[in-house]
Amino acid sequence: MKVIICGAGQVGWQIARHLSGERNDVTVVDNNPDLVRRATDALDVQGIAGFASYPDVLDQAGARDADMIIAATHSDEVNMVTCQVAHSVFSIPRKIARLRSKSYLTAIYSDLYRRDHMPIDVVISPEMEVAEAALQRLNAPAAFDTEKFLDGDAALMGLTIDDDCPIVNTPLKQLTDLFSTLRSIVVGIRREGTLFAPESNDQIFAGDSCYVMSHNEDVRRTLEIFGKTHHKQERVVIIGGGNVGLMVARDLEQRADRVRVKVIERNRKIAERAAEALERTIVLNGDGLDVTLLAEANIERADAVLCVTDDDKTNMLAAVRAKSEGCRMAIALINDPTLEPLMEPLGIDAYINPRSVTVSSILRHFRHGRVRAVYSIGDAEAEVIEAEVLSTSPMAGQKLRDIDFPEGVLVGAVRKAGKVKRPTGSMVIEEGDQVVLFTLAKDVPEVERLLQVSIDFF
């Protein structure tokens, strides 16, 4: 597949890394020659230095026979014009644009822009995606990472294993015997910085970070088995009243269970805008690192603090300070992936990586065939892929134990006839079944071969 990626920043670079690693023909376009050089030196991609919206630049990038264009520059206007040129001049079949401005998003989603006027097939909104990720973190306070699959009937949870975990040092196959009715399975373990798909004889050790796929009805029981308690989030403090903080606060205050929300925003104009937009939420104007202001927000009684300013270090420090003042849980928005290893030592319970969230969203649309969802884990180390099994798939008609999965692949959940089931070796995978697979990055091409979706994008 021939793909043009416009924008070689963090998101564009990660998308290029994913797609080039799967033997796609990828060209990266950016007006910064240094970013283009970084991409071409590190990845198996071609690079063009220039403005992505210029027809002659897209022509150099091979737009005349491209299958897809992903416009992910830092400018909404450039991304929109790029998609327009890709459609009008080069007739590129599929166009994805990353847009940030709420005004543009409102217009597009309200059909003010018709497709023939603004031909964008898929709009990706990083801030909306991040807000949704933040809400999922708040809904699963015991997990450092979480994502829904199979229309919400299954959930992926990232759980840190503590010393007092009841199942520490227990082989995974014994867990199956001990909890035979539990519809949950450990699909990935990160140990000493290395992520792997465990085998049945592997044990869970204190300090591990486990990725567990669970039926939605068994989430609470799974958390209890892993030594995690489920706390209802009744009081939430949000530090940062920008678009993400505003979206989260608006969602929380509209819930029936009446979550009490307080927002702290340093910029007075942004704070006033948030106060006008929100009905029951208290908005405080000031520095989220100020102990006096945190006390005014009753941080010591808060169930969670969500730090979503536009500065990583502020988010980290605010999360640490909130925890030190008595807040039960801290979540921080972190753009720089090199800061992620500091989260656990600092006592930050969970973090949100906007790049990873946006990459997952774009990959979901790239793997378009019968792939229903894609979630990127870590620094592009693994993916969780939800897909429907085709009649042509090598998996169809076989028992799970007989399917030749790579070592880095595990089946986390299967939906048959509308019911989500825990996968077992004797389970027969049939055409029309929906499967959720954990796969290390190097094994994605083989997974696509097994699913028979790599040639069915449109």
Protein backbone atom coordinates (compact mmCIF):
# COMPACT_ATOMS: atom_id res chain seq x y z
CA MET A 1 0.00 0.00 0.00
CA LYS A 2 1.32 3.45 -0.92
CA VAL A 3 0.84 6.04 1.83
CA ILE A 4 1.85 9.71 2.08
CA ILE A 5 2.25 11.05 5.63
CA CYS A 6 2.24 14.83 5.90
CA GLY A 7 3.96 15.99 9.06
CA ALA A 8 7.06 14.35 10.51
CA GLY A 9 6.45 15.33 14.13
CA GLN A 10 5.81 12.82 16.91
CA VAL A 11 2.52 11.50 15.48
CA GLY A 12 3.67 11.43 11.85
CA TRP A 13 6.93 9.74 12.78
CA GLN A 14 5.17 7.02 14.78
CA ILE A 15 2.67 6.34 12.00
CA ALA A 16 5.55 6.12 9.51
CA ARG A 17 7.34 3.74 11.87
CA HIS A 18 4.31 1.47 12.11
CA LEU A 19 3.47 1.40 8.42
CA SER A 20 7.00 1.14 7.04
CA GLY A 21 7.67 -1.74 9.42
CA GLU A 22 4.80 -3.58 7.75
CA ARG A 23 6.38 -3.24 4.31
CA ASN A 24 4.15 -0.43 3.05
CA ASP A 25 5.49 2.16 0.59
CA VAL A 26 5.65 5.25 2.82
CA THR A 27 6.65 8.81 1.94
CA VAL A 28 6.99 11.48 4.62
CA VAL A 29 6.47 15.17 3.81
CA ASP A 30 7.44 18.05 6.10
CA ASN A 31 8.63 21.63 5.59
CA ASN A 32 11.37 21.01 8.19
CA PRO A 33 14.28 19.26 6.41
CA ASP A 34 15.74 18.10 9.74
CA LEU A 35 12.56 16.19 10.62
CA VAL A 36 12.47 14.63 7.16
CA ARG A 37 16.12 13.60 7.49
CA ARG A 38 15.44 12.07 10.90
CA ALA A 39 12.64 9.96 9.43
CA THR A 40 14.59 8.79 6.38
CA ASP A 41 17.68 7.97 8.45
CA ALA A 42 15.80 5.93 11.05
CA LEU A 43 12.99 4.38 8.99
CA ASP A 44 12.54 2.65 5.66
CA VAL A 45 10.68 5.62 4.15
CA GLN A 46 11.17 8.22 1.46
CA GLY A 47 11.22 11.89 2.42
CA ILE A 48 10.25 15.14 0.75
CA ALA A 49 11.03 18.55 2.28
CA GLY A 50 8.32 21.06 1.44
CA PHE A 51 4.83 22.29 2.26
CA ALA A 52 2.37 19.39 2.21
CA SER A 53 -0.45 21.47 0.73
CA TYR A 54 1.56 22.41 -2.39
CA PRO A 55 0.50 20.32 -5.42
CA ASP A 56 4.06 20.09 -6.76
CA VAL A 57 5.31 18.78 -3.39
CA LEU A 58 2.58 16.12 -3.28
CA ASP A 59 3.40 15.24 -6.87
CA GLN A 60 7.04 14.64 -5.87
CA ALA A 61 5.78 12.47 -3.01
CA GLY A 62 3.98 10.20 -5.48
CA ALA A 63 0.42 11.44 -5.00
CA ARG A 64 -0.64 10.35 -8.50
CA ASP A 65 -0.74 6.70 -7.49
CA ALA A 66 -1.04 6.92 -3.70
CA ASP A 67 -3.70 4.87 -1.89
CA MET A 68 -3.94 7.07 1.20
CA ILE A 69 -2.81 10.40 2.56
CA ILE A 70 -2.58 11.20 6.28
CA ALA A 71 -2.41 14.94 7.00
CA ALA A 72 -0.98 15.28 10.51
CA THR A 73 0.92 18.58 10.44
CA HIS A 74 0.60 21.07 13.31
CA SER A 75 -1.73 23.29 11.25
CA ASP A 76 -5.45 22.48 10.83
CA GLU A 77 -5.60 24.68 7.75
CA VAL A 78 -2.66 22.93 6.08
CA ASN A 79 -4.21 19.54 6.85
CA MET A 80 -7.55 20.52 5.33
CA VAL A 81 -6.03 22.09 2.22
CA THR A 82 -3.76 19.06 1.79
CA CYS A 83 -6.80 16.76 1.73
CA GLN A 84 -8.55 19.09 -0.72
CA VAL A 85 -5.56 19.07 -3.09
CA ALA A 86 -5.17 15.30 -2.69
CA HIS A 87 -8.81 14.90 -3.73
CA SER A 88 -9.18 17.53 -6.44
CA VAL A 89 -5.80 17.25 -8.15
CA PHE A 90 -4.68 13.66 -7.50
CA SER A 91 -7.88 11.73 -6.67
CA ILE A 92 -6.27 9.94 -3.73
CA PRO A 93 -8.94 7.45 -2.56
CA ARG A 94 -8.62 7.84 1.22
CA LYS A 95 -7.81 11.02 3.16
CA ILE A 96 -7.28 11.34 6.91
CA ALA A 97 -6.83 14.73 8.60
CA ARG A 98 -5.87 15.63 12.15
CA LEU A 99 -7.84 18.69 13.31
CA ARG A 100 -7.60 20.47 16.65
CA SER A 101 -9.85 23.52 16.38
CA LYS A 102 -13.25 23.03 17.98
CA SER A 103 -14.75 25.40 15.42
CA TYR A 104 -13.67 23.21 12.51
CA LEU A 105 -14.76 20.04 14.28
CA THR A 106 -18.19 21.47 15.06
CA ALA A 107 -18.66 22.50 11.43
CA ILE A 108 -17.53 19.14 10.06
CA TYR A 109 -19.58 17.00 12.45
CA SER A 110 -22.68 19.13 11.87
CA ASP A 111 -22.40 18.55 8.10
CA LEU A 112 -21.74 22.21 7.34
CA TYR A 113 -18.86 20.89 5.24
CA ARG A 114 -20.18 18.44 2.73
CA ARG A 115 -17.80 15.81 1.47
CA ASP A 116 -17.62 17.28 -2.03
CA HIS A 117 -16.65 20.65 -0.52
CA MET A 118 -14.23 19.39 2.13
CA PRO A 119 -13.27 15.85 1.08
CA ILE A 120 -11.92 14.39 4.32
CA ASP A 121 -12.84 10.73 4.85
CA VAL A 122 -11.72 10.53 8.48
CA VAL A 123 -11.21 13.37 10.97
CA ILE A 124 -8.93 12.70 13.94
CA SER A 125 -9.26 15.07 16.89
CA PRO A 126 -6.35 14.60 19.33
CA GLU A 127 -8.07 16.58 22.07
CA MET A 128 -11.30 14.61 21.82
CA GLU A 129 -9.33 11.35 21.79
CA VAL A 130 -7.30 12.43 24.83
CA ALA A 131 -10.43 13.53 26.70
CA GLU A 132 -12.01 10.12 26.06
CA ALA A 133 -8.81 8.40 27.24
CA ALA A 134 -8.85 10.53 30.41
CA LEU A 135 -12.44 9.54 31.14
CA GLN A 136 -11.56 5.87 30.70
CA ARG A 137 -8.67 6.26 33.16
CA LEU A 138 -11.03 7.84 35.67
CA ASN A 139 -13.54 5.01 35.19
CA ALA A 140 -10.85 2.42 35.97
CA PRO A 141 -8.81 4.06 38.74
CA ALA A 142 -6.92 0.87 39.62
CA ALA A 143 -5.48 0.57 36.08
CA PHE A 144 -2.63 2.60 34.60
CA ASP A 145 -3.96 1.93 31.11
CA THR A 146 -7.38 0.93 29.78
CA GLU A 147 -9.22 0.55 26.48
CA LYS A 148 -12.58 -0.91 25.46
CA PHE A 149 -13.15 -3.57 22.79
CA LEU A 150 -16.06 -5.51 21.29
CA ASP A 151 -18.45 -2.57 21.61
CA GLY A 152 -17.60 -2.14 25.27
CA ASP A 153 -18.19 -5.79 26.21
CA ALA A 154 -14.46 -6.38 26.81
CA ALA A 155 -11.83 -4.21 28.45
CA LEU A 156 -8.04 -4.12 28.33
CA MET A 157 -6.53 -3.07 31.66
CA GLY A 158 -2.94 -2.31 32.54
CA LEU A 159 -2.32 -3.36 36.16
CA THR A 160 0.81 -2.87 38.25
CA ILE A 161 1.53 -5.91 40.42
CA ASP A 162 2.20 -4.97 44.05
CA ASP A 163 3.95 -7.04 46.73
CA ASP A 164 0.61 -7.83 48.40
CA CYS A 165 -1.04 -9.08 45.19
CA PRO A 166 -2.78 -12.41 46.07
CA ILE A 167 -1.61 -14.16 42.89
CA VAL A 168 2.02 -13.04 42.86
CA ASN A 169 4.48 -15.86 41.94
CA THR A 170 1.57 -17.93 40.62
CA PRO A 171 1.90 -19.61 37.17
CA LEU A 172 -0.76 -18.38 34.76
CA LYS A 173 -2.05 -21.91 34.07
CA GLN A 174 -2.89 -22.25 37.77
CA LEU A 175 -4.98 -19.09 37.59
CA THR A 176 -7.13 -20.81 34.98
CA ASP A 177 -7.67 -23.73 37.35
CA LEU A 178 -8.32 -21.53 40.39
CA PHE A 179 -10.76 -19.19 38.62
CA SER A 180 -12.31 -21.40 35.95
CA THR A 181 -15.35 -19.16 35.44
CA LEU A 182 -13.35 -15.90 35.19
CA ARG A 183 -13.49 -14.45 31.69
CA SER A 184 -10.11 -12.73 31.89
CA ILE A 185 -6.67 -13.50 30.50
CA VAL A 186 -3.21 -11.97 30.90
CA VAL A 187 -2.11 -11.07 27.37
CA GLY A 188 1.05 -9.06 28.03
CA ILE A 189 3.64 -8.53 30.77
CA ARG A 190 6.25 -5.80 31.04
CA ARG A 191 9.16 -6.87 33.22
CA GLU A 192 12.29 -4.79 33.73
CA GLY A 193 11.36 -2.66 30.72
CA THR A 194 10.69 -5.55 28.32
CA LEU A 195 7.18 -6.30 27.03
CA PHE A 196 6.31 -9.90 26.11
CA ALA A 197 3.35 -12.21 25.54
CA PRO A 198 3.41 -14.73 28.43
CA GLU A 199 3.14 -18.51 28.19
CA SER A 200 1.06 -20.68 30.50
CA ASN A 201 4.03 -21.56 32.71
CA ASP A 202 5.08 -17.94 33.22
CA GLN A 203 4.57 -16.43 36.66
CA ILE A 204 3.51 -12.95 37.70
CA PHE A 205 6.05 -11.17 39.89
CA ALA A 206 5.84 -8.08 42.07
CA GLY A 207 6.81 -5.05 40.02
CA ASP A 208 5.42 -6.45 36.77
CA SER A 209 3.04 -4.41 34.66
CA CYS A 210 0.36 -6.76 33.32
CA TYR A 211 -2.08 -6.19 30.48
CA VAL A 212 -5.29 -8.10 31.18
CA MET A 213 -8.22 -8.60 28.80
CA SER A 214 -11.48 -9.06 30.67
CA HIS A 215 -15.18 -9.41 29.98
CA ASN A 216 -16.80 -6.16 31.05
CA GLU A 217 -18.96 -7.99 33.63
CA ASP A 218 -15.84 -9.54 35.21
CA VAL A 219 -13.75 -6.36 35.50
CA ARG A 220 -14.45 -5.82 39.21
CA ARG A 221 -13.76 -9.46 40.08
CA THR A 222 -10.54 -9.36 38.04
CA LEU A 223 -9.36 -6.29 39.92
CA GLU A 224 -10.04 -8.00 43.24
CA ILE A 225 -8.07 -11.09 42.18
CA PHE A 226 -5.12 -8.85 41.27
CA GLY A 227 -5.34 -7.12 44.63
CA LYS A 228 -6.92 -3.92 43.36
CA THR A 229 -9.86 -2.18 44.99
CA HIS A 230 -12.46 -0.32 42.96
CA HIS A 231 -13.14 3.18 44.30
CA LYS A 232 -16.05 5.22 43.06
CA GLN A 233 -14.88 8.60 41.77
CA GLU A 234 -17.05 11.16 43.52
CA ARG A 235 -14.66 14.13 43.73
CA VAL A 236 -12.30 15.02 40.86
CA VAL A 237 -9.91 17.97 40.54
CA ILE A 238 -8.78 18.90 37.02
CA ILE A 239 -5.63 21.00 36.65
CA GLY A 240 -5.79 22.66 33.24
CA GLY A 241 -8.98 24.22 31.90
CA GLY A 242 -8.13 24.10 28.20
CA ASN A 243 -10.02 22.07 25.63
CA VAL A 244 -9.20 18.67 27.15
CA GLY A 245 -9.97 19.71 30.72
CA LEU A 246 -13.17 21.41 29.59
CA MET A 247 -14.37 18.31 27.69
CA VAL A 248 -13.70 16.03 30.66
CA ALA A 249 -15.37 18.40 33.14
CA ARG A 250 -18.44 18.77 30.92
CA ASP A 251 -18.80 14.99 30.64
CA LEU A 252 -18.38 14.43 34.38
CA GLU A 253 -20.90 17.07 35.43
CA GLN A 254 -23.52 15.63 33.06
CA ARG A 255 -23.38 12.18 34.61
CA ALA A 256 -26.30 10.92 36.65
CA ASP A 257 -24.10 9.99 39.62
CA ARG A 258 -23.26 13.67 40.17
CA VAL A 259 -19.45 13.70 40.25
CA ARG A 260 -18.17 16.84 42.00
CA VAL A 261 -15.61 18.55 39.79
CA LYS A 262 -13.26 21.46 40.38
CA VAL A 263 -11.03 22.96 37.70
CA ILE A 264 -7.83 24.92 38.32
CA GLU A 265 -6.61 27.06 35.40
CA ARG A 266 -3.70 29.51 35.48
CA ASN A 267 -4.73 31.65 32.48
CA ARG A 268 -7.53 34.01 33.50
CA LYS A 269 -9.22 34.20 30.09
CA ILE A 270 -9.24 30.41 29.72
CA ALA A 271 -10.57 30.09 33.28
CA GLU A 272 -13.39 32.55 32.52
CA ARG A 273 -14.27 30.66 29.34
CA ALA A 274 -14.42 27.39 31.29
CA ALA A 275 -16.56 28.96 34.00
CA GLU A 276 -19.04 30.19 31.40
CA ALA A 277 -19.21 26.82 29.64
CA LEU A 278 -19.68 24.71 32.77
CA GLU A 279 -22.78 24.69 34.97
CA ARG A 280 -22.03 22.85 38.23
CA THR A 281 -18.23 22.83 38.12
CA ILE A 282 -16.24 25.25 40.29
CA VAL A 283 -13.42 26.93 38.34
CA LEU A 284 -10.46 28.39 40.25
CA ASN A 285 -8.04 30.80 38.61
CA GLY A 286 -4.46 30.14 39.73
CA ASP A 287 -1.41 27.88 39.67
CA GLY A 288 -2.12 24.16 40.08
CA LEU A 289 1.18 23.83 41.96
CA ASP A 290 0.08 26.30 44.63
CA VAL A 291 -0.54 24.38 47.88
CA THR A 292 -2.98 27.03 49.11
CA LEU A 293 -5.05 26.78 45.95
CA LEU A 294 -5.00 22.99 46.08
CA ALA A 295 -6.26 23.19 49.64
CA GLU A 296 -9.06 25.50 48.47
CA ALA A 297 -9.98 22.82 45.93
CA ASN A 298 -10.09 20.27 48.81
CA ILE A 299 -7.41 18.16 47.16
CA GLU A 300 -6.99 16.07 50.31
CA ARG A 301 -10.55 14.76 49.88
CA ALA A 302 -10.36 14.29 46.11
CA ASP A 303 -10.65 10.78 44.68
CA ALA A 304 -8.56 11.75 41.65
CA VAL A 305 -6.60 14.62 40.14
CA LEU A 306 -6.29 14.92 36.39
CA CYS A 307 -3.36 17.09 35.24
CA VAL A 308 -3.89 18.16 31.61
CA THR A 309 -2.06 21.45 31.11
CA ASP A 310 0.02 21.98 27.96
CA ASP A 311 3.29 21.43 29.87
CA ASP A 312 4.51 17.91 30.74
CA LYS A 313 6.64 18.95 33.69
CA THR A 314 3.83 21.00 35.20
CA ASN A 315 1.53 18.00 34.89
CA MET A 316 4.05 15.72 36.57
CA LEU A 317 4.81 18.11 39.43
CA ALA A 318 1.13 18.92 39.95
CA ALA A 319 0.31 15.20 40.11
CA VAL A 320 3.08 14.57 42.65
CA ARG A 321 2.04 17.55 44.79
CA ALA A 322 -1.62 16.52 44.73
CA LYS A 323 -0.69 13.01 45.90
CA SER A 324 1.51 14.44 48.66
CA GLU A 325 -1.45 16.54 49.85
CA GLY A 326 -3.66 13.46 50.20
CA CYS A 327 -5.30 12.92 46.80
CA ARG A 328 -5.98 9.22 46.26
CA MET A 329 -5.11 8.97 42.54
CA ALA A 330 -3.12 11.10 40.09
CA ILE A 331 -3.30 11.03 36.28
CA ALA A 332 -0.92 13.12 34.15
CA LEU A 333 -0.93 14.05 30.48
CA ILE A 334 2.59 13.38 29.13
CA ASN A 335 3.64 14.20 25.55
CA ASP A 336 7.33 13.33 25.89
CA PRO A 337 7.70 9.49 25.90
CA THR A 338 11.12 9.73 27.57
CA LEU A 339 9.38 10.94 30.74
CA GLU A 340 7.12 7.89 31.01
CA PRO A 341 9.63 5.75 33.01
CA LEU A 342 9.49 8.42 35.74
CA MET A 343 5.77 7.94 36.38
CA GLU A 344 6.03 4.95 38.72
CA PRO A 345 8.98 6.23 40.82
CA LEU A 346 7.14 9.54 41.27
CA GLY A 347 3.99 7.78 42.43
CA ILE A 348 1.85 8.92 39.49
CA ASP A 349 -0.84 6.28 39.06
CA ALA A 350 -1.58 6.65 35.35
CA TYR A 351 -0.59 8.76 32.39
CA ILE A 352 -2.04 9.62 29.01
CA ASN A 353 0.20 9.83 25.95
CA PRO A 354 -1.57 11.94 23.28
CA ARG A 355 0.73 10.60 20.60
CA SER A 356 -0.13 6.98 21.41
CA VAL A 357 -3.84 7.81 21.56
CA THR A 358 -3.77 9.58 18.18
CA VAL A 359 -1.65 6.87 16.56
CA SER A 360 -4.10 4.21 17.74
CA SER A 361 -6.98 6.18 16.27
CA ILE A 362 -5.27 6.57 12.89
CA LEU A 363 -4.22 2.91 12.75
CA ARG A 364 -7.83 1.91 13.40
CA HIS A 365 -8.77 3.55 10.11
CA PHE A 366 -5.68 2.40 8.25
CA ARG A 367 -6.37 -1.27 8.98
CA HIS A 368 -9.74 -0.74 7.42
CA GLY A 369 -10.84 -4.14 6.10
CA ARG A 370 -12.47 -6.28 8.81
CA VAL A 371 -10.32 -4.77 11.56
CA ARG A 372 -12.71 -3.02 13.92
CA ALA A 373 -10.27 -1.46 16.41
CA VAL A 374 -6.56 -1.02 17.06
CA TYR A 375 -4.86 0.10 20.26
CA SER A 376 -1.15 0.91 20.40
CA ILE A 377 0.70 -0.06 23.58
CA GLY A 378 3.82 1.66 24.90
CA ASP A 379 6.25 3.19 22.46
CA ALA A 380 4.78 1.31 19.48
CA GLU A 381 5.89 -1.94 21.15
CA ALA A 382 2.64 -3.83 20.65
CA GLU A 383 -0.91 -3.55 19.35
CA VAL A 384 -4.25 -4.94 20.43
CA ILE A 385 -6.27 -5.66 17.31
CA GLU A 386 -9.98 -6.44 17.16
CA ALA A 387 -11.10 -8.06 13.91
CA GLU A 388 -13.76 -10.23 12.34
CA VAL A 389 -12.64 -13.63 11.04
CA LEU A 390 -13.20 -14.08 7.29
CA SER A 391 -13.98 -17.35 5.56
CA THR A 392 -10.61 -17.11 3.80
CA SER A 393 -8.69 -16.74 7.07
CA PRO A 394 -6.31 -19.59 8.00
CA MET A 395 -7.89 -19.36 11.45
CA ALA A 396 -11.41 -20.23 10.28
CA GLY A 397 -12.52 -23.73 11.25
CA GLN A 398 -9.50 -24.41 13.48
CA LYS A 399 -9.11 -24.92 17.20
CA LEU A 400 -7.10 -22.17 18.87
CA ARG A 401 -4.42 -24.65 19.95
CA ASP A 402 -3.88 -25.65 16.30
CA ILE A 403 -3.46 -22.13 14.91
CA ASP A 404 0.16 -21.25 14.22
CA PHE A 405 0.36 -17.98 16.13
CA PRO A 406 3.78 -16.30 16.51
CA GLU A 407 5.26 -16.33 20.04
CA GLY A 408 4.38 -12.66 20.48
CA VAL A 409 0.64 -13.13 19.87
CA LEU A 410 -2.14 -14.07 22.30
CA VAL A 411 -5.92 -14.21 21.87
CA GLY A 412 -7.52 -12.11 24.60
CA ALA A 413 -11.22 -12.48 23.86
CA VAL A 414 -13.60 -14.03 21.32
CA ARG A 415 -17.18 -13.02 20.56
CA LYS A 416 -19.40 -15.76 19.14
CA ALA A 417 -23.03 -15.12 18.24
CA GLY A 418 -22.97 -11.92 20.24
CA LYS A 419 -21.49 -13.45 23.41
CA VAL A 420 -17.96 -12.69 24.64
CA LYS A 421 -16.08 -15.79 25.76
CA ARG A 422 -12.75 -16.50 27.35
CA PRO A 423 -10.53 -18.22 24.74
CA THR A 424 -9.50 -21.83 25.38
CA GLY A 425 -7.30 -24.20 23.40
CA SER A 426 -10.29 -26.33 22.36
CA MET A 427 -12.34 -23.36 21.12
CA VAL A 428 -13.03 -23.51 17.37
CA ILE A 429 -12.72 -20.17 15.56
CA GLU A 430 -15.40 -19.80 12.91
CA GLU A 431 -16.18 -17.36 10.14
CA GLY A 432 -17.87 -14.25 11.55
CA ASP A 433 -16.32 -14.60 15.01
CA GLN A 434 -14.76 -11.44 16.40
CA VAL A 435 -11.36 -11.88 18.01
CA VAL A 436 -9.17 -9.55 20.07
CA LEU A 437 -5.46 -10.24 19.65
CA PHE A 438 -2.47 -8.93 21.58
CA THR A 439 0.51 -8.80 19.22
CA LEU A 440 4.04 -7.52 19.55
CA ALA A 441 4.90 -5.01 16.82
CA LYS A 442 7.16 -7.42 14.93
CA ASP A 443 4.31 -9.92 14.57
CA VAL A 444 1.65 -7.55 13.17
CA PRO A 445 2.24 -8.59 9.52
CA GLU A 446 1.74 -12.26 10.42
CA VAL A 447 -1.44 -11.40 12.33
CA GLU A 448 -2.78 -9.56 9.29
CA ARG A 449 -2.00 -12.63 7.18
CA LEU A 450 -3.90 -14.85 9.62
CA LEU A 451 -6.85 -12.45 9.55
CA GLN A 452 -6.65 -12.02 5.77
CA VAL A 453 -7.26 -8.26 6.00
CA SER A 454 -4.05 -6.72 4.68
CA ILE A 455 -5.43 -6.55 1.11
CA ASP A 456 -8.94 -5.39 2.06
CA PHE A 457 -8.59 -1.75 3.03
CA PHE A 458 -11.49 -0.12 1.22
